Protein backbone atom coordinates (compact mmCIF):
# COMPACT_ATOMS: atom_id res chain seq x y z
CA MET A 1 19.49 20.01 5.78
CA SER A 2 18.19 22.83 7.98
CA LEU A 3 14.59 24.03 7.94
CA ILE A 4 15.67 27.38 6.45
CA ARG A 5 17.33 25.74 3.44
CA SER A 6 14.37 23.38 3.15
CA ASN A 7 11.97 26.33 3.02
CA TYR A 8 13.86 27.59 -0.03
CA PHE A 9 13.66 24.16 -1.70
CA PHE A 10 9.92 23.80 -1.09
CA SER A 11 9.08 27.34 -2.19
CA LYS A 12 11.13 26.84 -5.36
CA THR A 13 9.46 23.56 -6.36
CA ARG A 14 5.91 24.21 -5.06
CA PRO A 15 4.65 25.98 -8.25
CA PHE A 16 5.62 22.98 -10.38
CA VAL A 17 3.91 20.54 -8.01
CA LEU A 18 0.78 22.71 -7.83
CA ALA A 19 0.64 22.79 -11.62
CA LEU A 20 0.34 18.99 -11.95
CA PRO A 21 -3.40 18.70 -11.09
CA TRP A 22 -4.34 21.49 -13.48
CA ILE A 23 -2.28 19.94 -16.27
CA GLY A 24 -4.27 16.78 -15.65
CA LEU A 25 -7.55 18.72 -15.64
CA PHE A 26 -6.94 20.45 -18.98
CA THR A 27 -5.74 17.17 -20.51
CA GLN A 28 -8.91 15.46 -19.34
CA ILE A 29 -11.08 18.19 -20.89
CA ALA A 30 -9.13 17.86 -24.15
CA ILE A 31 -9.73 14.07 -24.14
CA ASN A 32 -13.42 14.21 -23.25
CA THR A 33 -15.45 17.41 -23.31
CA GLU A 34 -18.50 15.96 -21.54
CA THR A 35 -19.64 18.09 -18.62
CA SER A 36 -19.58 15.18 -16.19
CA ASN A 37 -15.94 14.35 -17.00
CA ALA A 38 -14.94 18.01 -16.65
CA ASN A 39 -16.76 18.30 -13.31
CA TYR A 40 -15.24 15.18 -11.77
CA SER A 41 -11.81 16.06 -13.15
CA PHE A 42 -12.13 19.46 -11.49
CA ILE A 43 -13.02 17.78 -8.17
CA ALA A 44 -9.95 15.52 -8.46
CA ALA A 45 -7.74 18.52 -9.29
CA ALA A 46 -9.18 20.54 -6.38
CA VAL A 47 -8.68 17.67 -3.93
CA SER A 48 -5.10 17.24 -5.17
CA ASN A 49 -4.39 20.95 -4.73
CA LEU A 50 -5.85 20.91 -1.23
CA PHE A 51 -3.49 18.10 -0.26
CA ILE A 52 -0.51 19.82 -1.90
CA LEU A 53 -1.21 23.13 -0.15
CA TYR A 54 -1.53 21.34 3.19
CA LEU A 55 1.32 18.86 2.84
CA TYR A 56 3.91 20.45 0.58
CA GLN A 57 5.69 22.45 3.27
CA PRO A 58 8.84 21.46 5.17
CA TYR A 59 7.26 21.54 8.63
CA GLN A 60 5.02 18.59 7.76
CA TRP A 61 7.86 16.43 6.44
CA TYR A 62 10.31 17.28 9.22
CA LYS A 63 7.89 16.81 12.10
CA PHE A 64 5.36 14.28 10.76
CA PRO A 65 7.07 12.41 7.91
CA ILE A 66 5.26 9.08 7.64
CA SER A 67 1.79 10.43 8.41
CA SER A 68 2.38 13.05 5.70
CA LEU A 69 3.44 10.24 3.37
CA ALA A 70 0.22 8.33 4.17
CA LEU A 71 -1.86 11.39 3.23
CA THR A 72 0.22 11.80 0.06
CA GLY A 73 -0.61 8.18 -0.78
CA TYR A 74 -4.32 8.86 -0.35
CA CYS A 75 -4.05 11.88 -2.65
CA ILE A 76 -2.25 9.91 -5.37
CA LEU A 77 -4.52 6.85 -5.11
CA TYR A 78 -7.83 8.71 -5.24
CA ALA A 79 -7.24 12.08 -6.90
CA LEU A 80 -3.95 12.95 -8.58
CA GLY A 81 -3.18 9.42 -9.80
CA PRO A 82 -6.52 8.77 -11.53
CA LEU A 83 -6.48 12.30 -12.99
CA LEU A 84 -3.04 11.93 -14.60
CA LEU A 85 -2.88 8.21 -15.42
CA THR A 86 -6.27 8.00 -17.13
CA ALA A 87 -5.21 11.04 -19.18
CA LEU A 88 -1.98 9.22 -20.04
CA GLU A 89 -4.08 6.33 -21.39
CA GLN A 90 -6.35 8.75 -23.28
CA ARG A 91 -9.29 7.87 -21.07
CA PRO A 92 -11.69 10.11 -19.12
CA ILE A 93 -11.39 9.98 -15.35
CA ILE A 94 -14.92 8.56 -15.14
CA TYR A 95 -14.05 5.67 -17.47
CA ASP A 96 -16.17 2.60 -16.58
CA LEU A 97 -17.34 4.15 -13.30
CA GLU A 98 -20.96 3.32 -12.49
CA VAL A 99 -21.65 5.59 -9.50
CA PRO A 100 -19.18 8.47 -9.98
CA GLU A 101 -21.35 10.93 -8.05
CA ASP A 102 -21.23 8.71 -4.92
CA LEU A 103 -17.56 7.91 -5.45
CA PHE A 104 -16.35 11.50 -5.66
CA LEU A 105 -18.63 12.51 -2.79
CA HIS A 106 -16.85 10.00 -0.54
CA ILE A 107 -13.44 11.02 -1.87
CA VAL A 108 -14.20 14.61 -0.83
CA LEU A 109 -15.70 13.59 2.54
CA CYS A 110 -12.75 11.35 3.42
CA THR A 111 -10.32 14.03 2.24
CA GLY A 112 -11.86 16.51 4.67
CA THR A 113 -11.91 13.92 7.46
CA LEU A 114 -8.26 12.90 7.02
CA ILE A 115 -6.88 16.44 6.68
CA PHE A 116 -8.89 17.63 9.69
CA SER A 117 -7.75 14.61 11.75
CA HIS A 118 -4.13 15.19 10.75
CA PHE A 119 -4.40 18.86 11.70
CA ILE A 120 -5.83 17.93 15.12
CA TYR A 121 -3.06 15.37 15.56
CA THR A 122 -0.28 17.84 14.70
CA GLN A 123 -1.67 20.62 16.90
CA THR A 124 -2.50 18.61 20.03
CA ASN A 125 0.28 18.42 22.61
CA LEU A 126 -1.12 15.26 24.20
CA PHE A 127 -0.85 13.34 20.92
CA GLN A 128 2.72 14.56 20.40
CA ILE A 129 3.72 13.55 23.94
CA ILE A 130 2.29 10.05 23.39
CA ARG A 131 4.12 9.74 20.10
CA GLN A 132 7.42 10.92 21.60
CA LYS A 133 7.13 8.45 24.48
CA ILE A 134 6.52 5.58 22.06
CA THR A 135 9.51 6.66 19.94
CA LEU A 136 11.70 6.94 23.03
CA TYR A 137 10.71 3.45 24.15
CA LEU A 138 11.33 1.99 20.70
CA ASP A 139 14.73 3.64 20.54
CA ARG A 140 16.13 3.14 24.05
CA ASN A 141 14.42 -0.05 25.16
CA LEU A 142 13.89 -1.95 21.90
CA ASN A 143 16.68 -0.37 19.86
CA ILE A 144 14.80 -0.55 16.56
CA PHE A 145 16.76 2.40 15.17
CA GLN A 146 20.05 0.50 15.32
CA LYS A 147 22.06 0.60 12.11
CA LEU A 148 22.49 -2.67 10.22
CA ASP A 149 25.69 -3.81 8.55
CA THR A 150 25.74 -5.54 5.15
CA PHE A 151 25.95 -9.01 6.70
CA SER A 152 22.88 -8.43 8.90
CA ILE A 153 20.94 -7.04 5.94
CA ALA A 154 21.85 -10.08 3.82
CA ILE A 155 20.79 -12.52 6.56
CA LEU A 156 17.49 -10.72 7.21
CA SER A 157 16.78 -10.58 3.48
CA PHE A 158 17.62 -14.24 2.96
CA PHE A 159 15.27 -15.25 5.78
CA GLY A 160 12.53 -13.09 4.24
CA LEU A 161 13.08 -14.73 0.85
CA ILE A 162 12.93 -18.23 2.38
CA SER A 163 9.69 -17.23 4.14
CA MET A 164 8.32 -16.01 0.81
CA ILE A 165 9.16 -19.34 -0.88
CA LEU A 166 7.64 -21.37 1.98
CA VAL A 167 4.39 -19.41 1.97
CA TYR A 168 3.99 -18.77 -1.77
CA TRP A 169 5.46 -21.92 -3.33
CA LEU A 170 5.40 -24.77 -0.83
CA ASN A 171 2.25 -23.94 1.13
CA ARG A 172 -0.82 -25.14 -0.76
CA GLY A 173 -3.53 -23.23 1.06
CA ASN A 174 -2.83 -24.45 4.60
CA ASP A 175 -3.99 -21.79 7.06
CA VAL A 176 -2.08 -22.96 10.13
CA ALA A 177 -0.45 -20.84 12.82
CA ILE A 178 3.13 -21.57 11.74
CA ILE A 179 2.35 -20.39 8.18
CA LYS A 180 0.83 -17.18 9.56
CA LEU A 181 3.98 -16.62 11.63
CA ILE A 182 6.29 -17.23 8.66
CA GLN A 183 4.15 -14.95 6.50
CA GLY A 184 4.99 -12.08 8.84
CA PHE A 185 8.66 -12.33 7.84
CA ILE A 186 8.04 -11.92 4.09
CA ASN A 187 8.73 -8.17 4.11
CA PHE A 188 12.25 -8.95 5.37
CA ALA A 189 13.07 -9.85 1.75
CA TYR A 190 12.99 -6.10 1.07
CA PHE A 191 15.74 -5.29 3.58
CA PRO A 192 18.42 -4.72 0.87
CA LEU A 193 16.56 -1.50 0.10
CA THR A 194 17.69 -0.09 3.46
CA ALA A 195 21.25 -0.13 2.07
CA LEU A 196 20.20 2.01 -0.93
CA LEU A 197 18.17 4.35 1.30
CA ILE A 198 20.69 4.37 4.14
CA GLN A 199 20.72 8.18 4.35
CA LEU A 200 17.15 8.11 5.65
CA CYS A 201 18.56 6.28 8.68
CA ASN A 202 20.97 9.20 9.29
CA GLU A 203 23.89 7.13 8.07
CA SER A 204 26.70 8.96 6.24
CA LYS A 205 27.85 5.74 4.58
CA LYS A 206 27.79 5.88 0.79
CA VAL A 207 25.94 3.32 -1.29
CA THR A 208 28.47 0.82 -2.64
CA LYS A 209 28.55 -1.57 -5.59
CA VAL A 210 27.99 -4.42 -3.12
CA ASP A 211 24.73 -2.75 -2.02
CA TRP A 212 23.53 -2.44 -5.63
CA LEU A 213 24.55 -6.03 -6.38
CA LEU A 214 22.71 -7.32 -3.29
CA ASN A 215 19.56 -5.45 -4.31
CA PHE A 216 19.74 -6.67 -7.90
CA LEU A 217 20.21 -10.27 -6.76
CA PHE A 218 17.27 -10.21 -4.36
CA LEU A 219 15.03 -8.39 -6.85
CA VAL A 220 15.66 -11.11 -9.43
CA LEU A 221 14.93 -13.83 -6.86
CA ILE A 222 11.76 -12.05 -5.71
CA PHE A 223 10.72 -11.72 -9.35
CA ILE A 224 11.08 -15.48 -9.85
CA VAL A 225 9.11 -16.23 -6.68
CA ALA A 226 6.41 -13.77 -7.76
CA LEU A 227 5.95 -15.44 -11.13
CA GLY A 228 5.61 -18.82 -9.44
CA ARG A 229 3.04 -17.30 -7.09
CA ASN A 230 1.36 -15.36 -9.94
CA SER A 231 1.52 -12.24 -7.81
CA ARG A 232 2.21 -8.88 -9.44
CA ALA A 233 2.34 -7.10 -6.10
CA THR A 234 5.15 -9.31 -4.78
CA PHE A 235 7.80 -7.79 -7.05
CA ALA A 236 6.03 -4.46 -7.65
CA ILE A 237 6.23 -3.61 -3.93
CA PRO A 238 10.08 -3.44 -3.68
CA ILE A 239 10.18 -1.27 -6.82
CA ALA A 240 7.48 1.02 -5.43
CA THR A 241 9.26 1.09 -2.05
CA TYR A 242 12.47 2.23 -3.68
CA GLY A 243 10.57 4.88 -5.66
CA ILE A 244 8.97 6.25 -2.48
CA GLY A 245 12.39 6.17 -0.78
CA VAL A 246 13.93 8.20 -3.61
CA PHE A 247 11.08 10.70 -3.23
CA LEU A 248 11.96 11.06 0.47
CA LEU A 249 15.68 11.43 -0.34
CA TRP A 250 14.69 14.23 -2.71
CA ILE A 251 12.36 15.87 -0.16
CA TYR A 252 15.19 15.97 2.39
CA GLN A 253 17.68 17.04 -0.30
CA TYR A 254 19.99 14.07 0.06
CA ILE A 255 19.83 13.89 -3.72
CA LYS A 256 19.09 16.38 -6.46
CA ILE A 257 16.98 15.27 -9.40
CA ARG A 258 18.12 17.22 -12.45
CA PHE A 259 16.35 17.66 -15.75
CA LYS A 260 18.59 15.13 -17.54
CA VAL A 261 17.75 12.50 -14.91
CA ILE A 262 14.01 13.13 -15.32
CA VAL A 263 14.27 12.77 -19.11
CA SER A 264 16.27 9.55 -18.75
CA ILE A 265 13.68 8.12 -16.32
CA LEU A 266 10.81 9.02 -18.66
CA ILE A 267 12.57 7.36 -21.62
CA LEU A 268 13.20 4.27 -19.48
CA ILE A 269 9.53 4.18 -18.46
CA ILE A 270 8.42 4.43 -22.09
CA PHE A 271 10.44 1.30 -22.89
CA ILE A 272 9.61 -0.63 -19.71
CA VAL A 273 5.85 0.00 -19.41
CA PRO A 274 4.84 -2.04 -22.52
CA LEU A 275 6.97 -4.99 -21.37
CA ALA A 276 5.61 -4.73 -17.82
CA SER A 277 2.07 -4.54 -19.19
CA ASN A 278 2.64 -7.67 -21.31
CA LEU A 279 4.06 -9.48 -18.30
CA ALA A 280 1.13 -8.51 -16.08
CA THR A 281 -1.36 -9.59 -18.76
CA SER A 282 0.47 -12.94 -19.14
CA MET A 283 0.17 -13.48 -15.40
CA VAL A 284 -3.56 -12.76 -15.55
CA MET A 285 -3.98 -15.21 -18.44
CA VAL A 286 -2.44 -18.13 -16.52
CA ARG A 287 -3.86 -17.17 -13.12
CA ALA A 288 -6.58 -19.81 -13.20
CA LEU A 289 -3.89 -22.51 -13.07
CA ARG A 290 -2.13 -21.36 -9.92
CA ARG A 291 -4.10 -23.65 -7.58
CA ASP A 292 -3.79 -26.68 -9.85
CA ILE A 293 -0.12 -26.88 -10.83
CA PRO A 294 3.21 -26.52 -8.97
CA SER A 295 4.73 -23.04 -8.72
CA GLU A 296 7.73 -23.92 -10.90
CA GLU A 297 5.41 -25.10 -13.69
CA LEU A 298 3.33 -21.92 -13.38
CA LEU A 299 6.56 -19.93 -13.73
CA VAL A 300 7.39 -21.71 -17.02
CA LYS A 301 3.85 -21.25 -18.38
CA THR A 302 3.96 -17.51 -17.57
CA ILE A 303 7.23 -17.09 -19.47
CA ASP A 304 5.85 -19.09 -22.41
CA GLN A 305 2.74 -16.94 -22.44
CA LEU A 306 4.85 -13.77 -22.35
CA SER A 307 6.56 -14.81 -25.56
CA ASP A 308 3.21 -15.16 -27.35
CA ILE A 309 2.54 -11.49 -28.09
CA GLU A 310 -0.31 -12.23 -30.50
CA SER A 311 -2.40 -14.07 -27.90
CA ILE A 312 -1.74 -11.29 -25.39
CA GLU A 313 -3.11 -8.71 -27.81
CA GLN A 314 -6.14 -10.91 -28.53
CA TYR A 315 -6.80 -11.26 -24.81
CA ARG A 316 -6.73 -7.49 -24.38
CA VAL A 317 -9.31 -7.03 -27.11
CA LYS A 318 -11.75 -9.18 -25.16
CA THR A 319 -13.60 -7.64 -22.28
CA ASP A 320 -12.43 -8.73 -18.85
CA VAL A 321 -15.83 -8.20 -17.31
CA ASP A 322 -17.07 -11.25 -15.44
CA ARG A 323 -20.53 -11.32 -17.04
CA LEU A 324 -21.67 -14.16 -14.82
CA SER A 325 -21.30 -12.08 -11.71
CA GLY A 326 -21.41 -8.54 -13.04
CA TYR A 327 -18.26 -7.81 -11.06
CA ASP A 328 -15.93 -5.57 -13.07
CA GLU A 329 -12.59 -4.28 -11.74
CA LYS A 330 -11.32 -2.72 -14.97
CA TYR A 331 -10.19 0.91 -14.81
CA LEU A 332 -6.69 1.34 -16.24
CA SER A 333 -5.53 -0.91 -19.08
CA ASN A 334 -2.10 -1.48 -17.50
CA PRO A 335 -2.54 -4.28 -14.92
CA PHE A 336 0.40 -3.01 -12.84
CA LEU A 337 -0.87 0.56 -12.56
CA ARG A 338 -4.33 -0.85 -11.87
CA ARG A 339 -2.93 -2.26 -8.61
CA PHE A 340 -1.86 1.17 -7.36
CA VAL A 341 -4.53 3.48 -8.81
CA ASN A 342 -7.96 1.96 -9.19
CA LEU A 343 -11.11 3.88 -8.40
CA LYS A 344 -13.08 0.92 -9.72
CA PHE A 345 -12.75 -1.02 -6.46
CA ALA A 346 -14.31 1.87 -4.56
CA ASP A 347 -16.91 2.35 -7.28
CA ILE A 348 -17.99 -1.32 -7.16
CA SER A 349 -18.20 -1.35 -3.38
CA LEU A 350 -20.40 1.74 -3.33
CA LYS A 351 -22.63 0.31 -6.06
CA LEU A 352 -23.05 -3.00 -4.21
CA GLY A 353 -23.47 -1.30 -0.84
CA ASN A 354 -26.31 0.81 -2.22
CA GLN A 355 -28.18 -2.36 -3.21
CA LEU A 356 -28.31 -3.80 0.31
CA ASP A 357 -31.61 -3.72 2.15
CA HIS A 358 -31.89 -2.98 5.87
CA ALA A 359 -31.60 -6.63 6.96
CA SER A 360 -28.54 -7.18 4.75
CA ARG A 361 -26.87 -4.09 6.19
CA ILE A 362 -27.31 -5.52 9.70
CA GLU A 363 -25.77 -8.79 8.50
CA PHE A 364 -22.86 -6.95 6.97
CA ARG A 365 -22.32 -4.98 10.18
CA GLU A 366 -22.16 -8.27 12.11
CA PHE A 367 -19.69 -9.62 9.53
CA SER A 368 -17.52 -6.50 9.99
CA ILE A 369 -17.54 -6.87 13.79
CA ASN A 370 -16.67 -10.57 13.46
CA ARG A 371 -13.71 -9.68 11.24
CA LEU A 372 -12.50 -7.29 13.92
CA LEU A 373 -12.84 -9.93 16.65
CA SER A 374 -10.94 -12.43 14.49
CA ILE A 375 -7.66 -10.64 15.19
CA PHE A 376 -7.64 -12.19 18.67
CA PRO A 377 -6.09 -15.64 19.26
CA ALA A 378 -8.38 -18.67 18.99
CA PRO A 379 -7.96 -19.66 22.70
CA PHE A 380 -9.07 -16.20 23.80
CA LEU A 381 -12.11 -16.35 21.48
CA SER A 382 -12.98 -19.79 22.84
CA PHE A 383 -12.76 -18.37 26.37
CA LEU A 384 -15.29 -15.70 25.34
CA GLY A 385 -17.65 -18.40 24.12
CA PHE A 386 -17.06 -18.31 20.36
CA SER A 387 -16.95 -21.60 18.44
CA SER A 388 -13.70 -23.11 17.25
CA GLU A 389 -14.72 -22.35 13.64
CA PHE A 390 -15.55 -18.69 14.31
CA LYS A 391 -12.17 -17.27 13.25
CA LYS A 392 -11.91 -19.45 10.14
CA GLN A 393 -15.40 -18.49 9.00
CA ALA A 394 -14.75 -14.78 9.54
CA LEU A 395 -11.57 -14.86 7.45
CA SER A 396 -12.69 -17.26 4.70
CA VAL A 397 -14.32 -14.60 2.54
CA SER A 398 -13.30 -11.11 1.48
CA TRP A 399 -15.20 -7.86 1.87
CA GLY A 400 -16.19 -7.91 -1.81
CA ASP A 401 -17.36 -11.54 -1.57
CA GLN A 402 -19.62 -10.79 1.38
CA LEU A 403 -21.17 -7.72 -0.26
CA PHE A 404 -22.00 -9.64 -3.41
CA PHE A 405 -23.31 -12.65 -1.48
CA LEU A 406 -25.73 -10.50 0.53
CA ILE A 407 -27.18 -9.19 -2.74
CA THR A 408 -27.40 -12.49 -4.64
CA ARG A 409 -27.64 -14.96 -1.72
CA ASN A 410 -25.59 -17.28 -3.92
CA LYS A 411 -22.79 -19.06 -2.01
CA TYR A 412 -20.96 -19.59 -5.30
CA PHE A 413 -19.54 -16.11 -4.90
CA LEU A 414 -18.06 -16.74 -1.44
CA GLY A 415 -14.35 -17.47 -1.30
CA ARG A 416 -13.51 -15.76 -4.61
CA PHE A 417 -11.71 -13.02 -2.70
CA TRP A 418 -12.95 -10.05 -4.66
CA ILE A 419 -11.43 -6.82 -3.44
CA GLY A 420 -13.77 -4.55 -1.51
CA HIS A 421 -13.16 -0.94 -0.55
CA PHE A 422 -13.76 0.93 2.66
CA PHE A 423 -15.97 3.59 1.03
CA GLY A 424 -18.71 1.07 0.21
CA THR A 425 -18.14 -1.55 2.90
CA SER A 426 -17.92 0.94 5.76
CA LEU A 427 -20.95 2.86 4.52
CA ALA A 428 -22.92 -0.40 4.28
CA ALA A 429 -21.95 -1.44 7.80
CA PHE A 430 -22.03 1.83 9.73
CA GLY A 431 -23.62 4.46 7.49
CA PHE A 432 -21.98 7.88 7.38
CA LEU A 433 -20.88 7.28 10.97
CA TYR A 434 -17.87 5.56 9.38
CA LEU A 435 -16.36 9.02 8.79
CA PHE A 436 -16.25 9.57 12.56
CA PHE A 437 -14.55 6.18 13.02
CA LEU A 438 -12.14 7.03 10.21
CA GLY A 439 -11.18 10.27 11.93
CA ILE A 440 -10.52 8.61 15.30
CA LEU A 441 -8.62 5.67 13.82
CA SER A 442 -6.54 7.89 11.55
CA ILE A 443 -5.28 9.96 14.52
CA ILE A 444 -4.10 6.78 16.27
CA ILE A 445 -2.50 5.57 13.03
CA PHE A 446 -0.69 8.90 12.57
CA ILE A 447 0.76 8.59 16.07
CA LEU A 448 1.96 5.02 15.48
CA LEU A 449 3.44 5.76 12.05
CA ASP A 450 5.40 8.83 13.10
CA ALA A 451 6.63 7.00 16.20
CA LEU A 452 8.85 4.98 13.84
CA VAL A 453 10.84 8.14 13.05
CA ILE A 454 13.05 10.28 15.29
CA THR A 455 12.42 13.96 14.59
CA ASN A 456 14.30 17.01 15.79
CA VAL A 457 12.30 19.54 17.83
CA SER A 458 13.96 22.53 16.16
CA CYS A 459 13.88 20.86 12.72
CA SER A 460 17.62 21.54 12.42
CA GLN A 461 18.27 17.97 11.26
CA ASN A 462 16.55 15.56 8.93
CA PRO A 463 14.29 12.87 10.48
CA ILE A 464 15.83 9.49 11.25
CA PHE A 465 13.83 6.56 9.90
CA SER A 466 14.03 3.12 11.48
CA PRO A 467 14.85 0.20 9.13
CA VAL A 468 11.43 -1.22 10.01
CA ALA A 469 9.78 1.92 8.66
CA ILE A 470 11.73 1.76 5.40
CA ILE A 471 10.86 -1.83 4.47
CA ASN A 472 7.18 -1.15 5.22
CA ILE A 473 7.06 2.29 3.61
CA TYR A 474 4.84 1.12 0.73
CA SER A 475 2.30 -0.36 3.19
CA PHE A 476 2.22 2.97 5.03
CA PHE A 477 1.90 4.87 1.74
CA THR A 478 -1.21 2.84 0.81
CA ILE A 479 -2.60 2.43 4.32
CA PHE A 480 -5.90 4.10 3.39
CA ASN A 481 -6.43 1.75 0.46
CA VAL A 482 -8.18 -0.92 2.52
CA GLY A 483 -11.24 -3.14 2.26
CA SER A 484 -12.90 -1.66 5.34
CA ILE A 485 -12.17 0.70 8.22
CA VAL A 486 -12.06 -2.52 10.26
CA ASP A 487 -8.72 -3.17 8.52
CA LEU A 488 -7.43 0.10 9.98
CA SER A 489 -8.38 -1.18 13.44
CA ILE A 490 -6.54 -4.42 12.72
CA PHE A 491 -3.42 -2.42 11.81
CA ILE A 492 -3.60 -0.62 15.15
CA PHE A 493 -4.26 -3.66 17.33
CA ARG A 494 -2.04 -6.21 15.59
CA GLU A 495 -0.08 -5.34 12.46
CA TRP A 496 1.93 -2.38 13.78
CA MET A 497 3.09 -4.34 16.84
CA GLN A 498 3.66 -7.47 14.77
CA VAL A 499 6.09 -5.68 12.44
CA ILE A 500 8.21 -4.51 15.37
CA PHE A 501 7.95 -7.78 17.30
CA LEU A 502 9.13 -9.95 14.39
CA TYR A 503 12.00 -7.58 13.68
CA LEU A 504 13.11 -7.72 17.31
CA ILE A 505 12.91 -11.52 17.37
CA PHE A 506 15.21 -11.84 14.40
CA CYS A 507 17.65 -9.18 15.64
CA LYS A 508 17.93 -11.06 18.94
CA MET A 509 18.61 -14.25 17.01
CA LEU A 510 21.32 -12.51 14.99
CA VAL A 511 22.99 -11.24 18.16
CA ALA A 512 22.87 -14.72 19.74
CA VAL A 513 24.35 -16.33 16.62
CA SER A 514 27.12 -13.70 16.43
CA ARG A 515 28.06 -14.29 20.07
CA SER A 516 28.09 -18.06 19.54
CA LEU A 517 30.40 -17.69 16.55
CA LYS A 518 32.77 -15.48 18.54
CA LEU A 519 32.86 -17.94 21.42
CA ALA A 520 33.54 -20.80 19.01
């Protein structure tokens, strides 16, 4: 679709998109008339509108597609999502938030930082030249934009599924190098989605029944593995990936979403959400057993628990606040939606970070630097003089664990892997200087993300996404939902290259196997 036709599409739909935050605002005021709820709802609506005004124009999506998607993810996770989804649950946006004034201050500050950084990135020729050179190298030298046939997709997906089973079911907590390597292939299980979203790869091939069947088969298998792992994210990610892909197909007008389709989707959601909520609650109820019993037994217990609706309802009535620790992650009642939109993680991190004294902040800064250094191989760290246990110690606790430990000095809380958030952890480690680091890191991330897409200079054609970009699209969408800005550095130094490297390894293996079969 040309840029001219796209301008018409965006101008036609922009008023409806701009109306969403204000619908959420007025709904919030109707639910709770307290001044504080109205004020914070207004901030969320204003932030959402700022993002929409900046992003909802064809130039952004034709020239900078994945970086625009990353900013859209930030908007949904921290502003538009909480505004609408809490209203949907008849809750105020400040429900169970303990430091909302700090939380919304950092939402606004990071919004300004990210939009300003993205603007600098899009308007600086040097950054665009670097991005184009990376894309050219990935295309001509590494050939990561090559189109995959159904057989290749099936093989890649099967290998990803086997990796998922090995890591989630058969590995009982062993943190060895081979497990880490296999873990990198897990996202390959989502490769069937590239067949459903093939138009994003500039492929005119139509989606066939075989493609739908392959996706259904792998989704069922992933679902089974996820129950045995007791991981909601494992099977929520492919669904979310497909949803984001459909959004991109709509943006580029490969598909048209009519009113009847929207109504059908809403009706389907109304029926599915209660079941999904019951399933997620059942998984939470049996979670304590996942380290003690085999995965197949955990799968059976989860299904048994799902059939006991009465006990599920009783569990929901009880508070899920961990009174022993005071650590509360409750925000939305639906455990699935809580994974994608949860201001509570940021709220907790800011609350805990504010309780640190000067000495504890120095300790936390050292912990953050150690986590960054831990991305390097153990032999290299040994060469630099670090102990053999340095890497293991740095990775053995989460950001939330370390924050709470520094307050309580109780080692009982280490290793529980509570989820931290970069608002509180980065502020505790670096003060407000973290905003400067966020700006610099985000520019580099924007370059790397958009390098996975071939764009047309004149915007006369739709962008061409690499298969690697499609299977990782959810990770890119939520890239700013991290435990610390250190995690953004880790993405730059390791994860981005790792995704491409593992894909290339397997493609080379496929080519070698194909040649061997032909010779035989």
